[in-house]
């Protein structure tokens, strides 16, 4: 018999993550070989664009892990859209990931009303489509080979 709980518990969450990581490492020779190397850690990667007044015009927030760039957020202020700033932020992040962190691929998730066409024009390919996530919206996962 088990007691099932639905509470948020940071200590249990960390314990679960630790146990899952140990299980995954034991089950996968690739993850096992990654342990203890620089590629094992997620390393933040951020690129910022400031306007003449020093205000935030746009930015990209992500991280690199195991030869992948993962783009978490890419945003450009509405006043600066259409001027190539998003492309510049993206290409700078890709170059940094490839040249300084030996990343070979990039990935991003975006919704249908955000930027799937922007990423496609930037060389990304759709690898996953999740309709109705959240309800009424479609989520896309896109990837790109770097270098």
N, C-alpha and C. Protein backbone atom coordinates (compact mmCIF):
# COMPACT_ATOMS: atom_id res chain seq x y z
N UNK A 1 0.85 -1.18 0.00
CA UNK A 1 0.00 0.00 0.00
C UNK A 1 0.89 1.24 0.00
N UNK A 2 0.49 2.24 -0.77
CA UNK A 2 1.24 3.49 -0.86
C UNK A 2 0.36 4.65 -0.46
N UNK A 3 0.96 5.67 0.10
CA UNK A 3 0.27 6.93 0.36
C UNK A 3 0.71 7.88 -0.76
N UNK A 4 -0.23 8.40 -1.50
CA UNK A 4 0.05 9.30 -2.61
C UNK A 4 -0.23 10.74 -2.16
N UNK A 5 0.74 11.64 -2.42
CA UNK A 5 0.59 13.04 -2.04
C UNK A 5 0.81 13.93 -3.27
N UNK A 6 0.22 15.10 -3.25
CA UNK A 6 0.37 16.02 -4.38
C UNK A 6 0.98 17.36 -3.95
N UNK A 7 1.65 17.38 -2.83
CA UNK A 7 2.24 18.63 -2.34
C UNK A 7 3.57 18.93 -3.02
N UNK A 8 3.95 20.20 -3.05
CA UNK A 8 5.26 20.61 -3.55
C UNK A 8 6.26 20.40 -2.42
N UNK A 9 7.32 19.66 -2.71
CA UNK A 9 8.33 19.34 -1.69
C UNK A 9 9.70 19.44 -2.33
N UNK A 10 10.41 20.51 -2.04
CA UNK A 10 11.70 20.76 -2.66
C UNK A 10 12.72 19.66 -2.33
N UNK A 11 12.74 19.21 -1.10
CA UNK A 11 13.69 18.17 -0.70
C UNK A 11 13.44 16.87 -1.45
N UNK A 12 12.17 16.45 -1.55
CA UNK A 12 11.84 15.23 -2.30
C UNK A 12 12.15 15.41 -3.78
N UNK A 13 11.89 16.61 -4.30
CA UNK A 13 12.17 16.88 -5.70
C UNK A 13 13.65 16.71 -6.01
N UNK A 14 14.50 17.23 -5.14
CA UNK A 14 15.94 17.08 -5.33
C UNK A 14 16.37 15.63 -5.21
N UNK A 15 15.78 14.91 -4.26
CA UNK A 15 16.09 13.49 -4.09
C UNK A 15 15.67 12.69 -5.34
N UNK A 16 14.47 12.99 -5.85
CA UNK A 16 13.99 12.32 -7.05
C UNK A 16 14.92 12.60 -8.23
N UNK A 17 15.33 13.86 -8.40
CA UNK A 17 16.24 14.23 -9.49
C UNK A 17 17.55 13.47 -9.37
N UNK A 18 18.07 13.38 -8.17
CA UNK A 18 19.33 12.68 -7.93
C UNK A 18 19.20 11.19 -8.26
N UNK A 19 18.12 10.58 -7.83
CA UNK A 19 17.91 9.15 -8.10
C UNK A 19 17.68 8.88 -9.59
N UNK A 20 16.92 9.77 -10.25
CA UNK A 20 16.69 9.62 -11.68
C UNK A 20 18.01 9.76 -12.44
N UNK A 21 18.81 10.73 -12.06
CA UNK A 21 20.11 10.94 -12.71
C UNK A 21 20.99 9.70 -12.55
N UNK A 22 21.00 9.14 -11.35
CA UNK A 22 21.80 7.92 -11.11
C UNK A 22 21.28 6.76 -11.96
N UNK A 23 19.97 6.59 -12.05
CA UNK A 23 19.38 5.53 -12.86
C UNK A 23 19.70 5.72 -14.34
N UNK A 24 19.57 6.97 -14.81
CA UNK A 24 19.85 7.25 -16.22
C UNK A 24 21.32 7.00 -16.54
N UNK A 25 22.20 7.42 -15.65
CA UNK A 25 23.63 7.22 -15.86
C UNK A 25 23.96 5.73 -15.90
N UNK A 26 23.34 4.96 -15.03
CA UNK A 26 23.58 3.52 -15.00
C UNK A 26 23.06 2.85 -16.27
N UNK A 27 21.96 3.37 -16.83
CA UNK A 27 21.33 2.73 -17.99
C UNK A 27 21.93 3.17 -19.32
N UNK A 28 22.63 4.30 -19.35
CA UNK A 28 23.10 4.84 -20.63
C UNK A 28 24.61 5.01 -20.64
N UNK A 29 25.32 4.28 -21.49
CA UNK A 29 26.76 4.47 -21.58
C UNK A 29 27.13 5.89 -22.03
N UNK A 30 26.29 6.51 -22.83
CA UNK A 30 26.56 7.87 -23.30
C UNK A 30 26.52 8.84 -22.13
N UNK A 31 25.49 8.75 -21.30
CA UNK A 31 25.42 9.63 -20.12
C UNK A 31 26.52 9.29 -19.12
N UNK A 32 26.84 8.02 -19.01
CA UNK A 32 27.92 7.60 -18.10
C UNK A 32 29.25 8.22 -18.53
N UNK A 33 29.53 8.22 -19.86
CA UNK A 33 30.77 8.82 -20.37
C UNK A 33 30.79 10.33 -20.21
N UNK A 34 29.62 10.94 -20.16
CA UNK A 34 29.51 12.40 -20.00
C UNK A 34 29.81 12.85 -18.57
N UNK A 35 29.58 11.96 -17.60
CA UNK A 35 29.79 12.30 -16.18
C UNK A 35 31.22 12.76 -15.94
N UNK A 36 31.34 13.86 -15.21
CA UNK A 36 32.65 14.37 -14.85
C UNK A 36 33.35 15.18 -15.92
N UNK A 37 32.70 15.36 -17.09
CA UNK A 37 33.30 16.17 -18.16
C UNK A 37 32.66 17.56 -18.14
N UNK A 38 33.29 18.53 -18.81
CA UNK A 38 32.69 19.87 -18.87
C UNK A 38 31.30 19.86 -19.54
N UNK A 39 31.08 18.95 -20.47
CA UNK A 39 29.79 18.86 -21.15
C UNK A 39 28.65 18.42 -20.28
N UNK A 40 28.96 17.90 -19.09
CA UNK A 40 27.92 17.41 -18.19
C UNK A 40 27.08 18.55 -17.62
N UNK A 41 27.67 19.70 -17.43
CA UNK A 41 26.99 20.82 -16.78
C UNK A 41 26.24 21.68 -17.78
N UNK A 42 25.09 22.18 -17.36
CA UNK A 42 24.38 23.20 -18.13
C UNK A 42 25.07 24.52 -17.84
N UNK A 43 25.51 25.21 -18.91
CA UNK A 43 26.20 26.49 -18.74
C UNK A 43 25.33 27.58 -19.37
N UNK A 44 24.94 28.59 -18.58
CA UNK A 44 24.09 29.65 -19.13
C UNK A 44 24.75 30.34 -20.32
N UNK A 45 23.93 30.72 -21.27
CA UNK A 45 24.37 31.53 -22.41
C UNK A 45 23.33 32.62 -22.61
N UNK A 46 23.76 33.87 -22.52
CA UNK A 46 22.84 34.99 -22.65
C UNK A 46 23.45 36.03 -23.58
N UNK A 47 22.61 36.60 -24.45
CA UNK A 47 23.02 37.65 -25.38
C UNK A 47 22.01 38.78 -25.25
N UNK A 48 22.51 40.00 -25.07
CA UNK A 48 21.63 41.16 -24.82
C UNK A 48 21.83 42.22 -25.88
N UNK A 49 20.77 42.94 -26.21
CA UNK A 49 20.83 44.10 -27.10
C UNK A 49 20.24 45.28 -26.35
N UNK A 50 21.03 46.34 -26.24
CA UNK A 50 20.59 47.55 -25.56
C UNK A 50 20.50 48.67 -26.58
N UNK A 51 19.47 49.51 -26.44
CA UNK A 51 19.34 50.64 -27.37
C UNK A 51 20.25 51.79 -26.94
N UNK A 52 20.18 52.91 -27.66
CA UNK A 52 21.05 54.05 -27.40
C UNK A 52 20.92 54.58 -25.98
N UNK A 53 19.74 54.44 -25.39
CA UNK A 53 19.51 54.92 -24.02
C UNK A 53 19.95 53.90 -22.98
N UNK A 54 20.40 52.72 -23.43
CA UNK A 54 20.81 51.67 -22.51
C UNK A 54 19.67 50.78 -22.05
N UNK A 55 18.49 50.97 -22.67
CA UNK A 55 17.33 50.14 -22.32
C UNK A 55 17.38 48.82 -23.09
N UNK A 56 16.77 47.81 -22.52
CA UNK A 56 16.73 46.50 -23.15
C UNK A 56 15.92 46.54 -24.43
N UNK A 57 16.55 46.25 -25.56
CA UNK A 57 15.88 46.19 -26.86
C UNK A 57 15.55 44.76 -27.24
N UNK A 58 16.29 43.81 -26.68
CA UNK A 58 16.06 42.41 -26.98
C UNK A 58 17.08 41.54 -26.27
N UNK A 59 16.82 40.25 -26.28
CA UNK A 59 17.76 39.35 -25.63
C UNK A 59 17.44 37.90 -25.90
N UNK A 60 18.43 37.08 -25.66
CA UNK A 60 18.31 35.64 -25.79
C UNK A 60 18.87 35.02 -24.52
N UNK A 61 18.09 34.13 -23.92
CA UNK A 61 18.51 33.41 -22.71
C UNK A 61 18.42 31.92 -23.02
N UNK A 62 19.49 31.23 -22.73
CA UNK A 62 19.51 29.79 -22.94
C UNK A 62 20.64 29.16 -22.16
N UNK A 63 21.00 27.96 -22.55
CA UNK A 63 22.15 27.29 -21.94
C UNK A 63 22.71 26.28 -22.94
N UNK A 64 23.92 25.86 -22.67
CA UNK A 64 24.53 24.80 -23.46
C UNK A 64 24.68 23.58 -22.57
N UNK A 65 24.54 22.42 -23.19
CA UNK A 65 24.67 21.16 -22.47
C UNK A 65 24.94 20.06 -23.49
N UNK A 66 25.97 19.30 -23.26
CA UNK A 66 26.27 18.09 -24.04
C UNK A 66 26.25 18.36 -25.55
N UNK A 67 26.95 19.37 -25.98
CA UNK A 67 27.09 19.79 -27.37
C UNK A 67 25.81 20.36 -27.99
N UNK A 68 24.87 20.79 -27.16
CA UNK A 68 23.63 21.40 -27.63
C UNK A 68 23.47 22.79 -27.04
N UNK A 69 22.97 23.71 -27.86
CA UNK A 69 22.48 25.00 -27.41
C UNK A 69 20.99 24.87 -27.23
N UNK A 70 20.50 25.19 -26.06
CA UNK A 70 19.06 25.18 -25.81
C UNK A 70 18.62 26.63 -25.61
N UNK A 71 17.78 27.12 -26.51
CA UNK A 71 17.26 28.49 -26.43
C UNK A 71 15.99 28.47 -25.60
N UNK A 72 16.03 29.17 -24.47
CA UNK A 72 14.88 29.22 -23.58
C UNK A 72 13.97 30.39 -23.94
N UNK A 73 14.55 31.57 -24.10
CA UNK A 73 13.79 32.76 -24.45
C UNK A 73 14.54 33.56 -25.51
N UNK A 74 13.80 34.09 -26.47
CA UNK A 74 14.33 35.07 -27.42
C UNK A 74 13.23 36.10 -27.59
N UNK A 75 13.56 37.36 -27.28
CA UNK A 75 12.56 38.41 -27.32
C UNK A 75 13.19 39.68 -27.88
N UNK A 76 12.41 40.38 -28.71
CA UNK A 76 12.82 41.68 -29.24
C UNK A 76 11.67 42.65 -28.99
N UNK A 77 12.00 43.82 -28.44
CA UNK A 77 11.01 44.85 -28.19
C UNK A 77 10.29 45.19 -29.49
N UNK A 78 9.00 45.38 -29.41
CA UNK A 78 8.18 45.63 -30.59
C UNK A 78 8.71 46.78 -31.45
N UNK A 79 9.29 47.80 -30.83
CA UNK A 79 9.83 48.95 -31.58
C UNK A 79 11.00 48.57 -32.47
N UNK A 80 11.66 47.46 -32.17
CA UNK A 80 12.86 47.07 -32.91
C UNK A 80 12.66 45.85 -33.80
N UNK A 81 11.43 45.34 -33.84
CA UNK A 81 11.17 44.15 -34.67
C UNK A 81 11.23 44.50 -36.14
N UNK A 82 11.65 43.55 -36.94
CA UNK A 82 11.73 43.74 -38.38
C UNK A 82 13.04 44.36 -38.84
N UNK A 83 13.93 44.65 -37.91
CA UNK A 83 15.21 45.28 -38.25
C UNK A 83 16.37 44.29 -38.22
N UNK A 84 16.08 43.00 -38.01
CA UNK A 84 17.13 41.99 -38.00
C UNK A 84 17.76 41.74 -36.64
N UNK A 85 17.24 42.39 -35.59
CA UNK A 85 17.83 42.22 -34.27
C UNK A 85 17.69 40.79 -33.76
N UNK A 86 16.52 40.18 -33.94
CA UNK A 86 16.33 38.80 -33.50
C UNK A 86 17.30 37.85 -34.19
N UNK A 87 17.49 38.05 -35.49
CA UNK A 87 18.45 37.21 -36.24
C UNK A 87 19.86 37.41 -35.72
N UNK A 88 20.19 38.65 -35.40
CA UNK A 88 21.53 38.95 -34.88
C UNK A 88 21.75 38.27 -33.52
N UNK A 89 20.77 38.38 -32.64
CA UNK A 89 20.88 37.73 -31.32
C UNK A 89 21.03 36.22 -31.47
N UNK A 90 20.21 35.63 -32.34
CA UNK A 90 20.25 34.18 -32.56
C UNK A 90 21.59 33.75 -33.13
N UNK A 91 22.08 34.46 -34.14
CA UNK A 91 23.34 34.04 -34.75
C UNK A 91 24.50 34.22 -33.78
N UNK A 92 24.48 35.26 -32.95
CA UNK A 92 25.54 35.43 -31.95
C UNK A 92 25.53 34.27 -30.96
N UNK A 93 24.35 33.87 -30.50
CA UNK A 93 24.26 32.75 -29.57
C UNK A 93 24.75 31.46 -30.23
N UNK A 94 24.36 31.22 -31.47
CA UNK A 94 24.79 30.02 -32.19
C UNK A 94 26.30 30.01 -32.37
N UNK A 95 26.88 31.14 -32.77
CA UNK A 95 28.34 31.21 -32.96
C UNK A 95 29.07 30.97 -31.65
N UNK A 96 28.60 31.60 -30.58
CA UNK A 96 29.23 31.41 -29.26
C UNK A 96 29.16 29.95 -28.85
N UNK A 97 27.99 29.34 -29.02
CA UNK A 97 27.82 27.94 -28.63
C UNK A 97 28.73 27.03 -29.45
N UNK A 98 28.82 27.29 -30.75
CA UNK A 98 29.62 26.43 -31.63
C UNK A 98 31.12 26.64 -31.41
N UNK A 99 31.56 27.87 -31.38
CA UNK A 99 33.00 28.16 -31.32
C UNK A 99 33.59 28.02 -29.93
N UNK A 100 32.88 28.50 -28.93
CA UNK A 100 33.44 28.52 -27.58
C UNK A 100 33.04 27.31 -26.73
N UNK A 101 31.96 26.62 -27.13
CA UNK A 101 31.48 25.52 -26.29
C UNK A 101 31.32 24.21 -27.05
N UNK A 102 31.81 24.19 -28.28
CA UNK A 102 31.81 22.97 -29.12
C UNK A 102 30.41 22.38 -29.34
N UNK A 103 29.40 23.23 -29.36
CA UNK A 103 28.05 22.75 -29.63
C UNK A 103 27.90 22.45 -31.11
N UNK A 104 27.20 21.37 -31.40
CA UNK A 104 26.97 20.96 -32.78
C UNK A 104 25.53 21.14 -33.21
N UNK A 105 24.64 21.40 -32.25
CA UNK A 105 23.21 21.52 -32.56
C UNK A 105 22.56 22.53 -31.63
N UNK A 106 21.38 23.00 -32.05
CA UNK A 106 20.59 23.92 -31.24
C UNK A 106 19.14 23.46 -31.26
N UNK A 107 18.41 23.82 -30.21
CA UNK A 107 17.00 23.48 -30.13
C UNK A 107 16.23 24.60 -29.47
N UNK A 108 14.95 24.68 -29.82
CA UNK A 108 14.08 25.71 -29.27
C UNK A 108 12.64 25.22 -29.31
N UNK A 109 11.85 25.65 -28.35
CA UNK A 109 10.41 25.42 -28.39
C UNK A 109 9.75 26.78 -28.57
N UNK A 110 8.72 26.83 -29.40
CA UNK A 110 8.00 28.08 -29.64
C UNK A 110 6.54 27.76 -29.94
N UNK A 111 5.67 28.72 -29.69
CA UNK A 111 4.25 28.53 -29.98
C UNK A 111 3.92 29.08 -31.36
N UNK A 112 2.78 28.65 -31.90
CA UNK A 112 2.39 29.04 -33.25
C UNK A 112 2.27 30.54 -33.43
N UNK A 113 1.90 31.29 -32.41
CA UNK A 113 1.75 32.74 -32.54
C UNK A 113 3.06 33.48 -32.27
N UNK A 114 4.10 32.75 -31.89
CA UNK A 114 5.38 33.39 -31.62
C UNK A 114 6.25 33.40 -32.88
N UNK A 115 7.14 32.42 -33.01
CA UNK A 115 8.16 32.57 -34.04
C UNK A 115 8.56 31.31 -34.80
N UNK A 116 7.67 30.35 -35.06
CA UNK A 116 8.14 29.18 -35.80
C UNK A 116 8.68 29.53 -37.19
N UNK A 117 8.07 30.48 -37.87
CA UNK A 117 8.55 30.85 -39.21
C UNK A 117 9.91 31.54 -39.14
N UNK A 118 10.13 32.35 -38.12
CA UNK A 118 11.43 33.00 -37.92
C UNK A 118 12.53 31.94 -37.79
N UNK A 119 12.29 30.93 -36.96
CA UNK A 119 13.30 29.88 -36.77
C UNK A 119 13.51 29.07 -38.05
N UNK A 120 12.43 28.80 -38.78
CA UNK A 120 12.57 28.07 -40.05
C UNK A 120 13.44 28.88 -41.02
N UNK A 121 13.20 30.19 -41.12
CA UNK A 121 14.03 31.03 -42.00
C UNK A 121 15.48 31.07 -41.54
N UNK A 122 15.71 30.78 -40.25
CA UNK A 122 17.07 30.78 -39.69
C UNK A 122 17.72 29.40 -39.79
N UNK A 123 17.09 28.47 -40.51
CA UNK A 123 17.68 27.16 -40.74
C UNK A 123 17.23 26.06 -39.79
N UNK A 124 16.27 26.34 -38.95
CA UNK A 124 15.77 25.33 -38.01
C UNK A 124 14.70 24.47 -38.69
N UNK A 125 14.63 23.22 -38.28
CA UNK A 125 13.64 22.28 -38.81
C UNK A 125 12.71 21.84 -37.69
N UNK A 126 11.43 21.74 -38.01
CA UNK A 126 10.44 21.28 -37.04
C UNK A 126 10.64 19.78 -36.81
N UNK A 127 10.82 19.39 -35.55
CA UNK A 127 10.98 17.97 -35.22
C UNK A 127 9.83 17.45 -34.36
N UNK A 128 9.01 18.38 -33.85
CA UNK A 128 7.88 17.97 -33.01
C UNK A 128 6.81 19.04 -33.06
N UNK A 129 5.56 18.62 -33.17
CA UNK A 129 4.42 19.52 -33.12
C UNK A 129 3.46 18.97 -32.08
N UNK A 130 3.09 19.82 -31.12
CA UNK A 130 2.13 19.40 -30.10
C UNK A 130 0.91 20.31 -30.20
N UNK A 131 -0.16 19.82 -30.82
CA UNK A 131 -1.36 20.65 -30.93
C UNK A 131 -2.07 20.78 -29.58
N UNK A 132 -2.72 21.92 -29.41
CA UNK A 132 -3.56 22.15 -28.23
C UNK A 132 -2.76 22.17 -26.92
N UNK A 133 -1.50 22.70 -26.99
CA UNK A 133 -0.65 22.78 -25.80
C UNK A 133 -0.12 24.18 -25.65
N UNK A 134 -0.72 25.01 -24.81
CA UNK A 134 -1.98 24.81 -24.07
C UNK A 134 -3.18 24.86 -25.02
N UNK A 135 -4.37 24.58 -24.51
CA UNK A 135 -5.55 24.52 -25.36
C UNK A 135 -5.66 25.73 -26.30
N UNK A 136 -5.83 25.43 -27.59
CA UNK A 136 -5.98 26.46 -28.60
C UNK A 136 -4.67 26.93 -29.21
N UNK A 137 -3.55 26.43 -28.73
CA UNK A 137 -2.23 26.84 -29.20
C UNK A 137 -1.45 25.59 -29.61
N UNK A 138 -0.59 25.72 -30.60
CA UNK A 138 0.28 24.62 -31.02
C UNK A 138 1.71 24.96 -30.64
N UNK A 139 2.40 24.00 -30.02
CA UNK A 139 3.80 24.17 -29.67
C UNK A 139 4.66 23.43 -30.68
N UNK A 140 5.77 24.07 -31.08
CA UNK A 140 6.73 23.47 -32.00
C UNK A 140 8.07 23.32 -31.31
N UNK A 141 8.75 22.22 -31.57
CA UNK A 141 10.15 22.06 -31.21
C UNK A 141 10.92 22.03 -32.51
N UNK A 142 11.96 22.87 -32.59
CA UNK A 142 12.77 22.97 -33.80
C UNK A 142 14.23 22.76 -33.43
N UNK A 143 15.00 22.19 -34.36
CA UNK A 143 16.42 21.97 -34.16
C UNK A 143 17.20 22.43 -35.38
N UNK A 144 18.49 22.65 -35.16
CA UNK A 144 19.39 23.08 -36.23
C UNK A 144 20.77 22.53 -35.96
N UNK A 145 21.44 22.06 -37.02
CA UNK A 145 22.85 21.67 -36.91
C UNK A 145 23.67 22.95 -36.99
N UNK A 146 24.63 23.10 -36.11
CA UNK A 146 25.50 24.28 -36.08
C UNK A 146 26.82 24.00 -36.78
N UNK A 147 27.41 25.04 -37.34
CA UNK A 147 28.74 24.91 -37.97
C UNK A 147 28.66 24.12 -39.20
